[in-house]
Amino acid sequence: MKRLLITLVLVLAPLAAGAEPYPIYASTAVNDYANLLEPDMEAKVVAEIEALRADTGVELTVLTIETRWAYDPSPSIEAFATGLFNTWGIGDAARDDGILILVVRDDREMRIELGSGYNPEYDLPAQDIINNVMLPEFRAERYDLGILTGTRAVADHIARRFAGLPMRDGAVPIGAPSGGGGGLVFGIVFSEVLFGAGVLALIFRRRIGQMIDRYRSCPECGQRGLHTERHVLVQPTSHSRGQGETISRCTHCSWSRTKSYTIPDTSSSSSSSGGSFGGGSSSGGGASGRW
């Protein structure tokens, strides 16, 4: 029973009331809050995204942040990405064809999150792109190159394929969805389970973060039972980002860790790169990786 409770907590946490807050997007193309892209490289990524939207109508967006723990806690990168995707409403509402590329610098993890319109077999090329295109560059600290080449690969091998268009000249095949339908059935059943769990999670919203910390291990003594709290040091405005810090402490020893994080500005979600998203949603499809 105790093990079941732990499992439920880890599943329910990201779904509790939308797991607010998430980063506020200033652009529907690229939001580089972790400062991984030089201006010229960011311009190239934006150009890839805008070309894809012009050709297919697919909304692909790139987000980099310093750490997930700057926001309401989620038990995994998968849960965080799904909640963020649905909060932003990435993709066309009718087709659910949006794509999110999320890179979390300090946590050294990333995710390609796909809209619910994609058959689960599209998870395969997403994983190939992460493993063979993006992570090798990230491990070499070439984040900008990894993001650019990864964006191109996602556009060619997922978005354009989904839209029924041929890959562009020079695109290297790295994976293709197969015709099996078993994964689709599993995805639907799993989504229904998560939906029901999310309803129950609303009851425990205020305690979920604390319950998760109770089962995190201390890096120094190895015992479970961390306490994490966040403090806003500088409030964001519509013209500037804010600053905050996350303090984690062990309840068994003297270990503690303080991390700074950036709070995106509070400007409205509009930009020269498309204004706002189309109201799409994700049921958790995609792939993840760590480096």
Protein backbone atom coordinates (compact mmCIF):
# COMPACT_ATOMS: atom_id res chain seq x y z
CA MET A 1 0.00 0.00 0.00
CA LYS A 2 2.86 2.34 0.85
CA ARG A 3 4.55 1.61 -2.47
CA LEU A 4 1.29 2.28 -4.29
CA LEU A 5 0.95 5.62 -2.51
CA ILE A 6 4.46 6.61 -3.53
CA THR A 7 3.73 5.70 -7.15
CA LEU A 8 0.50 7.68 -7.16
CA VAL A 9 2.25 10.72 -5.73
CA LEU A 10 4.88 10.64 -8.45
CA VAL A 11 2.24 10.34 -11.17
CA LEU A 12 -0.20 12.84 -9.74
CA ALA A 13 2.24 15.62 -8.95
CA PRO A 14 2.64 17.12 -12.43
CA LEU A 15 -1.09 17.03 -13.08
CA ALA A 16 -2.16 18.85 -9.97
CA ALA A 17 -4.09 21.91 -11.17
CA GLY A 18 -1.96 22.23 -14.31
CA ALA A 19 1.29 22.15 -12.25
CA GLU A 20 1.51 25.94 -12.27
CA PRO A 21 3.55 27.94 -12.72
CA TYR A 22 5.37 27.22 -15.97
CA PRO A 23 7.63 29.59 -17.91
CA ILE A 24 5.76 32.30 -19.80
CA TYR A 25 6.63 32.27 -23.47
CA ALA A 26 7.66 35.50 -25.14
CA SER A 27 7.95 33.87 -28.57
CA THR A 28 6.21 30.97 -30.24
CA ALA A 29 9.49 29.99 -31.90
CA VAL A 30 12.41 30.11 -29.43
CA ASN A 31 12.54 30.99 -25.72
CA ASP A 32 16.18 30.62 -24.69
CA TYR A 33 15.92 31.30 -20.95
CA ALA A 34 19.08 29.30 -20.22
CA ASN A 35 21.14 31.42 -22.67
CA LEU A 36 22.40 28.46 -24.69
CA LEU A 37 22.11 30.11 -28.10
CA GLU A 38 24.25 32.89 -29.52
CA PRO A 39 22.18 35.48 -31.44
CA ASP A 40 23.25 34.23 -34.87
CA MET A 41 22.51 30.61 -33.99
CA GLU A 42 19.14 31.50 -32.48
CA ALA A 43 18.28 33.31 -35.72
CA LYS A 44 19.03 30.11 -37.65
CA VAL A 45 16.79 28.05 -35.35
CA VAL A 46 13.98 30.59 -35.72
CA ALA A 47 14.40 30.46 -39.51
CA GLU A 48 14.04 26.65 -39.45
CA ILE A 49 10.87 26.90 -37.37
CA GLU A 50 9.34 29.62 -39.51
CA ALA A 51 10.11 27.66 -42.70
CA LEU A 52 8.45 24.58 -41.24
CA ARG A 53 5.31 26.53 -40.30
CA ALA A 54 5.15 28.07 -43.75
CA ASP A 55 5.40 24.64 -45.41
CA THR A 56 3.23 22.55 -43.07
CA GLY A 57 1.44 24.74 -40.51
CA VAL A 58 3.08 22.67 -37.75
CA GLU A 59 3.96 24.66 -34.63
CA LEU A 60 7.43 23.65 -33.45
CA THR A 61 8.87 25.57 -30.51
CA VAL A 62 12.16 25.42 -28.60
CA LEU A 63 12.46 26.20 -24.89
CA THR A 64 15.62 26.18 -22.77
CA ILE A 65 15.52 26.68 -19.00
CA GLU A 66 18.11 26.39 -16.27
CA THR A 67 16.23 23.92 -14.05
CA ARG A 68 12.76 22.42 -13.64
CA TRP A 69 12.95 23.01 -9.90
CA ALA A 70 12.57 26.74 -10.43
CA TYR A 71 8.90 25.97 -10.98
CA ASP A 72 6.30 23.87 -9.22
CA PRO A 73 7.82 20.40 -8.77
CA SER A 74 7.13 17.64 -11.26
CA PRO A 75 8.47 14.13 -10.69
CA SER A 76 9.99 13.84 -14.18
CA ILE A 77 10.97 15.72 -17.31
CA GLU A 78 8.13 13.89 -19.09
CA ALA A 79 5.48 15.17 -16.69
CA PHE A 80 6.88 18.70 -16.78
CA ALA A 81 6.99 18.81 -20.59
CA THR A 82 3.44 17.48 -20.98
CA GLY A 83 2.05 19.97 -18.49
CA LEU A 84 3.92 22.87 -20.08
CA PHE A 85 2.88 21.80 -23.59
CA ASN A 86 -0.80 21.79 -22.62
CA THR A 87 -0.54 25.04 -20.68
CA TRP A 88 0.92 26.82 -23.69
CA GLY A 89 -1.43 25.05 -26.12
CA ILE A 90 1.23 24.22 -28.71
CA GLY A 91 -0.06 23.17 -32.13
CA ASP A 92 -3.28 23.38 -34.06
CA ALA A 93 -6.29 22.59 -31.84
CA ALA A 94 -7.90 20.37 -34.48
CA ARG A 95 -4.78 18.45 -35.56
CA ASP A 96 -2.85 18.42 -32.24
CA ASP A 97 0.35 18.45 -34.28
CA GLY A 98 2.54 20.70 -32.14
CA ILE A 99 6.10 19.83 -31.11
CA LEU A 100 8.11 21.06 -28.12
CA ILE A 101 11.88 20.74 -27.83
CA LEU A 102 12.75 21.31 -24.17
CA VAL A 103 16.34 21.55 -22.90
CA VAL A 104 17.02 21.85 -19.15
CA ARG A 105 20.62 22.93 -18.73
CA ASP A 106 21.43 22.43 -15.04
CA ASP A 107 19.40 19.22 -14.73
CA ARG A 108 21.15 17.92 -17.87
CA GLU A 109 17.99 16.50 -19.36
CA MET A 110 15.87 17.16 -22.42
CA ARG A 111 12.62 16.13 -24.05
CA ILE A 112 10.93 16.17 -27.44
CA GLU A 113 7.22 16.35 -26.62
CA LEU A 114 4.74 15.53 -29.37
CA GLY A 115 1.12 16.59 -29.75
CA SER A 116 -1.55 13.97 -29.25
CA GLY A 117 -2.19 13.85 -32.99
CA TYR A 118 1.02 11.89 -33.54
CA ASN A 119 0.84 8.11 -33.53
CA PRO A 120 3.01 6.73 -30.69
CA GLU A 121 5.36 5.20 -33.24
CA TYR A 122 6.66 8.72 -33.86
CA ASP A 123 8.35 8.36 -30.48
CA LEU A 124 10.96 6.21 -32.25
CA PRO A 125 12.44 8.91 -34.52
CA ALA A 126 12.17 11.36 -31.63
CA GLN A 127 14.38 9.08 -29.52
CA ASP A 128 16.79 8.61 -32.42
CA ILE A 129 17.13 12.37 -32.82
CA ILE A 130 17.88 12.80 -29.12
CA ASN A 131 20.39 9.95 -28.93
CA ASN A 132 22.20 10.42 -32.24
CA VAL A 133 21.87 14.12 -33.06
CA MET A 134 21.41 16.21 -29.92
CA LEU A 135 23.00 14.44 -26.95
CA PRO A 136 26.45 14.00 -28.57
CA GLU A 137 26.64 17.76 -29.06
CA PHE A 138 25.33 18.49 -25.56
CA ARG A 139 27.94 16.20 -24.00
CA ALA A 140 30.59 18.22 -25.83
CA GLU A 141 29.03 21.46 -24.48
CA ARG A 142 28.00 22.46 -28.02
CA TYR A 143 24.44 23.24 -27.02
CA ASP A 144 23.75 25.67 -29.82
CA LEU A 145 24.77 23.20 -32.52
CA GLY A 146 22.80 20.41 -30.87
CA ILE A 147 19.67 22.54 -30.75
CA LEU A 148 20.01 23.67 -34.36
CA THR A 149 20.69 20.22 -35.82
CA GLY A 150 18.03 18.71 -33.57
CA THR A 151 15.46 21.25 -34.73
CA ARG A 152 16.25 20.46 -38.35
CA ALA A 153 15.99 16.73 -37.72
CA VAL A 154 12.64 17.08 -35.92
CA ALA A 155 11.32 19.21 -38.77
CA ASP A 156 12.39 16.67 -41.40
CA HIS A 157 11.82 13.31 -39.74
CA ILE A 158 8.74 14.06 -37.67
CA ALA A 159 6.85 17.19 -38.71
CA ARG A 160 7.26 16.98 -42.48
CA ARG A 161 6.67 13.25 -42.48
CA PHE A 162 3.51 13.75 -40.42
CA ALA A 163 2.33 16.40 -42.86
CA GLY A 164 2.88 14.02 -45.80
CA LEU A 165 5.78 16.00 -47.27
CA PRO A 166 9.10 14.56 -48.44
CA MET A 167 12.24 15.28 -46.47
CA ARG A 168 14.37 18.13 -47.72
CA ASP A 169 17.47 17.42 -49.80
CA GLY A 170 20.38 16.43 -47.60
CA ALA A 171 18.30 15.13 -44.71
CA VAL A 172 19.76 11.89 -43.35
CA PRO A 173 17.23 9.15 -42.45
CA ILE A 174 17.47 8.38 -38.74
CA GLY A 175 14.21 6.55 -37.98
CA ALA A 176 10.68 6.12 -39.20
CA PRO A 177 7.37 5.24 -37.61
CA SER A 178 6.27 1.65 -38.12
CA GLY A 179 2.77 0.53 -38.91
CA GLY A 180 1.93 -1.24 -35.64
CA GLY A 181 -1.07 -0.07 -33.67
CA GLY A 182 -0.43 -1.67 -30.28
CA GLY A 183 1.39 1.40 -29.00
CA LEU A 184 -1.60 3.55 -29.86
CA VAL A 185 -3.92 1.43 -27.73
CA PHE A 186 -1.49 1.58 -24.82
CA GLY A 187 -1.17 5.36 -25.20
CA ILE A 188 -4.93 5.83 -25.07
CA VAL A 189 -5.35 3.62 -22.00
CA PHE A 190 -2.43 5.29 -20.23
CA SER A 191 -3.84 8.74 -20.99
CA GLU A 192 -7.18 7.77 -19.46
CA VAL A 193 -5.40 6.54 -16.32
CA LEU A 194 -3.52 9.82 -16.04
CA PHE A 195 -6.69 11.84 -16.54
CA GLY A 196 -8.42 10.07 -13.68
CA ALA A 197 -5.31 10.46 -11.53
CA GLY A 198 -5.23 14.17 -12.30
CA VAL A 199 -8.73 14.63 -10.89
CA LEU A 200 -7.67 13.01 -7.64
CA ALA A 201 -4.49 15.10 -7.56
CA LEU A 202 -6.44 18.33 -7.24
CA ILE A 203 -7.21 17.35 -3.65
CA PHE A 204 -3.53 17.12 -2.73
CA ARG A 205 -2.14 20.13 -4.60
CA ARG A 206 -0.60 21.86 -1.59
CA ARG A 207 1.14 18.77 -0.26
CA ILE A 208 2.43 17.09 -3.40
CA GLY A 209 5.73 18.95 -3.56
CA GLN A 210 6.52 18.15 0.07
CA MET A 211 5.59 14.49 -0.40
CA ILE A 212 7.94 14.18 -3.38
CA ASP A 213 10.82 15.68 -1.39
CA ARG A 214 10.29 13.06 1.33
CA TYR A 215 11.35 10.35 -1.13
CA ARG A 216 14.34 12.14 -2.68
CA SER A 217 17.75 10.91 -1.49
CA CYS A 218 20.37 13.20 -0.01
CA PRO A 219 23.52 13.38 -2.22
CA GLU A 220 25.70 13.35 0.94
CA CYS A 221 24.23 10.88 3.45
CA GLY A 222 21.99 8.94 1.05
CA GLN A 223 18.93 9.04 3.29
CA ARG A 224 15.54 10.02 1.95
CA GLY A 225 13.94 13.21 3.13
CA LEU A 226 14.84 16.49 1.44
CA HIS A 227 13.11 19.79 2.00
CA THR A 228 13.04 22.27 -0.89
CA GLU A 229 11.83 25.83 -0.85
CA ARG A 230 11.91 28.63 -3.41
CA HIS A 231 12.37 32.33 -2.83
CA VAL A 232 11.76 35.13 -5.29
CA LEU A 233 14.55 37.68 -4.93
CA VAL A 234 13.61 40.03 -7.76
CA GLN A 235 10.08 40.17 -9.13
CA PRO A 236 9.81 40.02 -12.94
CA THR A 237 8.23 42.87 -14.86
CA SER A 238 6.89 43.23 -18.37
CA HIS A 239 10.31 44.48 -19.47
CA SER A 240 12.79 42.50 -17.37
CA ARG A 241 13.29 39.03 -15.96
CA GLY A 242 13.19 38.31 -12.26
CA GLN A 243 15.58 36.30 -10.12
CA GLY A 244 15.00 33.65 -7.49
CA GLU A 245 16.75 30.88 -5.63
CA THR A 246 15.92 27.28 -4.80
CA ILE A 247 17.22 25.97 -1.45
CA SER A 248 17.30 22.22 -0.83
CA ARG A 249 18.19 20.85 2.63
CA CYS A 250 18.54 17.35 4.06
CA THR A 251 16.50 16.64 7.18
CA HIS A 252 19.08 14.11 8.40
CA CYS A 253 22.43 15.85 7.91
CA SER A 254 23.90 19.28 7.24
CA TRP A 255 23.80 19.03 3.43
CA SER A 256 22.20 21.94 1.60
CA ARG A 257 22.28 23.35 -1.92
CA THR A 258 21.26 26.75 -3.24
CA LYS A 259 20.59 27.30 -6.93
CA SER A 260 19.72 30.56 -8.64
CA TYR A 261 17.13 30.68 -11.38
CA THR A 262 15.70 33.21 -13.80
CA ILE A 263 12.01 34.08 -13.87
CA PRO A 264 10.75 34.98 -17.36
CA ASP A 265 9.28 38.43 -17.80
CA THR A 266 5.54 38.90 -17.53
CA SER A 267 5.01 40.31 -20.98
CA SER A 268 2.05 38.97 -22.95
CA SER A 269 2.61 35.91 -25.10
CA SER A 270 3.13 37.74 -28.35
CA SER A 271 6.11 38.18 -30.61
CA SER A 272 7.20 38.64 -34.15
CA SER A 273 7.38 34.85 -34.37
CA GLY A 274 3.68 34.10 -34.45
CA GLY A 275 1.75 35.75 -31.59
CA SER A 276 0.16 32.84 -29.75
CA PHE A 277 -0.15 29.10 -30.12
CA GLY A 278 -3.15 27.37 -31.66
CA GLY A 279 -4.54 25.57 -28.61
CA GLY A 280 -3.10 22.10 -29.23
CA SER A 281 -2.50 19.44 -26.60
CA SER A 282 -0.29 16.46 -25.81
CA SER A 283 -1.06 13.18 -24.09
CA GLY A 284 2.59 12.53 -23.23
CA GLY A 285 4.07 11.25 -26.48
CA GLY A 286 7.68 11.87 -27.36
CA ALA A 287 11.12 10.93 -26.06
CA SER A 288 13.61 12.03 -23.41
CA GLY A 289 17.34 11.94 -22.79
CA ARG A 290 20.06 12.91 -20.33
CA TRP A 291 23.71 13.82 -20.77
